[in-house]
């Protein structure tokens, strides 16, 4: 699985920095696309992910 981070990270508050590293760890520990999608859904339920980050798979974003 190829992962691309398209933008640099600007740590403007502690909450965003923590969330960024949770996202990176979620990506790194996912073994395949299905696992990554499920892990990101779980992260979205537990954190304010959509308030700070845009994420997806090319043209197919994870969020509905």
C-alpha atoms as a PDB file:
ATOM      1  CA  UNK A   1       0.000   0.000   0.000  1.00  0.00           C
ATOM      2  CA  UNK A   2       1.437   3.377  -1.025  1.00  0.00           C
ATOM      3  CA  UNK A   3       0.755   6.319   1.286  1.00  0.00           C
ATOM      4  CA  UNK A   4       1.211   9.931   0.203  1.00  0.00           C
ATOM      5  CA  UNK A   5       1.077  12.944   2.504  1.00  0.00           C
ATOM      6  CA  UNK A   6       0.479  15.848   0.159  1.00  0.00           C
ATOM      7  CA  UNK A   7       0.830  18.832   2.482  1.00  0.00           C
ATOM      8  CA  UNK A   8       3.266  19.897   5.160  1.00  0.00           C
ATOM      9  CA  UNK A   9       2.129  20.041   8.779  1.00  0.00           C
ATOM     10  CA  UNK A  10       1.921  23.264  10.774  1.00  0.00           C
ATOM     11  CA  UNK A  11       1.656  22.526  14.525  1.00  0.00           C
ATOM     12  CA  UNK A  12      -0.447  25.522  15.560  1.00  0.00           C
ATOM     13  CA  UNK A  13      -1.929  23.908  18.701  1.00  0.00           C
ATOM     14  CA  UNK A  14      -1.337  20.851  20.883  1.00  0.00           C
ATOM     15  CA  UNK A  15      -4.645  19.201  19.932  1.00  0.00           C
ATOM     16  CA  UNK A  16      -3.780  19.306  16.235  1.00  0.00           C
ATOM     17  CA  UNK A  17      -0.261  18.005  16.815  1.00  0.00           C
ATOM     18  CA  UNK A  18      -1.556  15.038  18.839  1.00  0.00           C
ATOM     19  CA  UNK A  19      -4.231  14.294  16.255  1.00  0.00           C
ATOM     20  CA  UNK A  20      -1.711  14.483  13.401  1.00  0.00           C
ATOM     21  CA  UNK A  21       0.498  11.851  15.016  1.00  0.00           C
ATOM     22  CA  UNK A  22      -2.531   9.644  15.716  1.00  0.00           C
ATOM     23  CA  UNK A  23      -3.372   9.821  12.002  1.00  0.00           C
ATOM     24  CA  UNK A  24       0.200   8.965  10.994  1.00  0.00           C
ATOM     25  CA  UNK A  25       0.263   6.007  13.404  1.00  0.00           C
ATOM     26  CA  UNK A  26      -3.102   4.806  12.096  1.00  0.00           C
ATOM     27  CA  UNK A  27      -1.728   4.879   8.556  1.00  0.00           C
ATOM     28  CA  UNK A  28       1.532   3.158   9.474  1.00  0.00           C
ATOM     29  CA  UNK A  29      -0.111   0.349  11.450  1.00  0.00           C
ATOM     30  CA  UNK A  30      -2.742  -0.449   8.805  1.00  0.00           C
ATOM     31  CA  UNK A  31      -1.916  -3.518   6.746  1.00  0.00           C
ATOM     32  CA  UNK A  32      -4.268  -2.860   3.844  1.00  0.00           C
ATOM     33  CA  UNK A  33      -6.819  -0.379   2.513  1.00  0.00           C
ATOM     34  CA  UNK A  34      -9.812  -1.961   4.262  1.00  0.00           C
ATOM     35  CA  UNK A  35      -8.047  -1.873   7.614  1.00  0.00           C
ATOM     36  CA  UNK A  36      -7.005   1.737   7.046  1.00  0.00           C
ATOM     37  CA  UNK A  37     -10.546   2.790   6.145  1.00  0.00           C
ATOM     38  CA  UNK A  38     -11.968   1.134   9.262  1.00  0.00           C
ATOM     39  CA  UNK A  39      -9.249   2.584  11.494  1.00  0.00           C
ATOM     40  CA  UNK A  40      -9.871   6.073  10.115  1.00  0.00           C
ATOM     41  CA  UNK A  41     -13.632   5.678  10.721  1.00  0.00           C
ATOM     42  CA  UNK A  42     -12.890   4.734  14.327  1.00  0.00           C
ATOM     43  CA  UNK A  43     -10.526   7.687  14.718  1.00  0.00           C
ATOM     44  CA  UNK A  44     -13.167   9.994  13.248  1.00  0.00           C
ATOM     45  CA  UNK A  45     -15.691   8.813  15.869  1.00  0.00           C
ATOM     46  CA  UNK A  46     -13.255   9.418  18.749  1.00  0.00           C
ATOM     47  CA  UNK A  47     -11.697  12.732  17.690  1.00  0.00           C
ATOM     48  CA  UNK A  48     -12.555  16.044  15.946  1.00  0.00           C
ATOM     49  CA  UNK A  49     -10.747  14.808  12.818  1.00  0.00           C
ATOM     50  CA  UNK A  50     -12.947  16.642  10.300  1.00  0.00           C
ATOM     51  CA  UNK A  51     -12.441  19.977  12.051  1.00  0.00           C
ATOM     52  CA  UNK A  52      -8.731  20.017  11.261  1.00  0.00           C
ATOM     53  CA  UNK A  53      -7.909  17.627   8.423  1.00  0.00           C
ATOM     54  CA  UNK A  54      -8.996  16.688   4.908  1.00  0.00           C
ATOM     55  CA  UNK A  55      -8.250  13.073   4.076  1.00  0.00           C
ATOM     56  CA  UNK A  56      -9.128  10.426   1.530  1.00  0.00           C
ATOM     57  CA  UNK A  57      -8.094   7.963  -1.148  1.00  0.00           C
ATOM     58  CA  UNK A  58      -7.495  10.010  -4.263  1.00  0.00           C
ATOM     59  CA  UNK A  59     -10.911  10.991  -5.598  1.00  0.00           C
ATOM     60  CA  UNK A  60     -12.676   8.648  -3.155  1.00  0.00           C
ATOM     61  CA  UNK A  61     -12.693  10.294   0.234  1.00  0.00           C
ATOM     62  CA  UNK A  62     -13.412   8.276   3.356  1.00  0.00           C
ATOM     63  CA  UNK A  63     -16.079  10.629   4.658  1.00  0.00           C
ATOM     64  CA  UNK A  64     -19.536  10.121   3.106  1.00  0.00           C
END
